[in-house]
Amino acid sequence: MATYDKGDRVRVTATFKTAGTNTNTVSTCTHRKPSGDNASPAPSVQTGSGTGIYFVDIDLDQIGTHTVKIASTDEVIAAETIELVVEKSVFDHS
């Protein structure tokens, strides 16, 4: 599993399909920080490079595990969830 540094920005993508075909849908994102709080405001889901492809840019501002979920609530009822691990480095003094 890849690890990240505090302060990194990571692009998380999700692709939603119906019967093997990429499908446009309404998507939302939840970013749960290591503190247990959800990012506020919630990250804005952007349309990616093609039909049914979406992304969010996540700022990793805390050490620990960040959980990001992109959910589709329209044509396709599904979700992509990923965990991003931020490790303390010699540059972190907090």
Protein backbone atom coordinates (compact mmCIF):
# COMPACT_ATOMS: atom_id res chain seq x y z
CA MET A 1 0.00 0.00 0.00
CA ALA A 2 1.30 3.43 -0.90
CA THR A 3 1.79 5.97 1.85
CA TYR A 4 1.66 9.74 1.63
CA ASP A 5 3.14 12.74 3.41
CA LYS A 6 1.09 15.25 5.39
CA GLY A 7 0.22 18.10 3.02
CA ASP A 8 0.02 15.96 -0.13
CA ARG A 9 -2.91 16.36 -2.53
CA VAL A 10 -4.19 13.10 -4.04
CA ARG A 11 -6.61 12.64 -6.96
CA VAL A 12 -9.10 9.82 -6.34
CA THR A 13 -11.09 8.52 -9.32
CA ALA A 14 -14.21 6.38 -9.68
CA THR A 15 -15.78 4.84 -12.78
CA PHE A 16 -19.45 3.85 -12.83
CA LYS A 17 -20.81 1.35 -15.37
CA THR A 18 -24.11 -0.26 -16.32
CA ALA A 19 -23.85 -3.64 -18.09
CA GLY A 20 -20.19 -2.95 -18.85
CA THR A 21 -20.83 0.50 -20.33
CA ASN A 22 -19.65 3.67 -18.61
CA THR A 23 -22.69 5.59 -17.37
CA ASN A 24 -23.14 9.22 -16.33
CA THR A 25 -24.63 9.56 -12.87
CA VAL A 26 -25.02 11.92 -9.92
CA SER A 27 -22.04 11.46 -7.58
CA THR A 28 -21.16 12.65 -4.08
CA CYS A 29 -18.01 12.37 -1.99
CA THR A 30 -17.32 11.81 1.70
CA HIS A 31 -13.82 12.30 3.12
CA ARG A 32 -13.40 10.92 6.65
CA LYS A 33 -10.24 12.22 8.27
CA PRO A 34 -8.11 10.33 10.82
CA SER A 35 -9.66 12.46 13.58
CA GLY A 36 -13.02 10.81 12.78
CA ASP A 37 -14.50 14.03 11.39
CA ASN A 38 -15.78 14.37 7.83
CA ALA A 39 -14.16 17.09 5.73
CA SER A 40 -16.36 20.17 5.59
CA PRO A 41 -17.31 21.23 3.08
CA ALA A 42 -17.41 17.84 1.38
CA PRO A 43 -15.01 17.50 -1.57
CA SER A 44 -16.56 18.46 -4.90
CA VAL A 45 -16.88 15.60 -7.42
CA GLN A 46 -15.65 16.60 -10.88
CA THR A 47 -16.33 14.98 -14.25
CA GLY A 48 -13.30 13.11 -15.53
CA SER A 49 -11.95 12.39 -19.00
CA GLY A 50 -15.00 10.49 -20.25
CA THR A 51 -18.50 9.19 -19.64
CA GLY A 52 -18.98 7.76 -16.15
CA ILE A 53 -15.52 8.81 -14.88
CA TYR A 54 -15.36 11.10 -11.85
CA PHE A 55 -12.64 12.42 -9.55
CA VAL A 56 -11.98 14.41 -6.39
CA ASP A 57 -8.79 16.04 -5.18
CA ILE A 58 -8.15 15.25 -1.51
CA ASP A 59 -5.87 17.32 0.73
CA LEU A 60 -4.16 15.07 3.27
CA ASP A 61 -3.81 17.42 6.22
CA GLN A 62 -3.66 14.90 9.09
CA ILE A 63 -1.42 11.93 9.90
CA GLY A 64 -3.30 8.60 9.87
CA THR A 65 -5.82 6.90 7.59
CA HIS A 66 -8.11 9.02 5.40
CA THR A 67 -11.16 7.22 3.96
CA VAL A 68 -12.65 8.59 0.74
CA LYS A 69 -15.95 7.39 -0.71
CA ILE A 70 -17.37 8.46 -4.08
CA ALA A 71 -20.98 7.35 -4.31
CA SER A 72 -23.36 7.29 -7.26
CA THR A 73 -27.03 7.86 -6.50
CA ASP A 74 -28.74 8.17 -9.87
CA GLU A 75 -28.45 5.79 -12.84
CA VAL A 76 -26.04 3.50 -11.00
CA ILE A 77 -26.34 2.80 -7.27
CA ALA A 78 -22.75 2.03 -6.27
CA ALA A 79 -19.71 3.42 -4.45
CA GLU A 80 -15.93 3.40 -4.66
CA THR A 81 -14.12 3.58 -1.30
CA ILE A 82 -10.37 3.96 -0.79
CA GLU A 83 -8.10 4.41 2.22
CA LEU A 84 -5.11 6.75 2.01
CA VAL A 85 -2.42 6.38 4.70
CA VAL A 86 -0.41 9.42 5.78
CA GLU A 87 2.69 8.59 7.79
CA LYS A 88 4.61 10.90 10.06
CA SER A 89 7.91 11.98 8.55
CA VAL A 90 11.02 13.65 9.94
CA PHE A 91 9.57 16.95 8.67
CA ASP A 92 6.44 16.72 10.87
CA HIS A 93 6.95 18.49 14.19
CA SER A 94 3.40 18.19 15.48
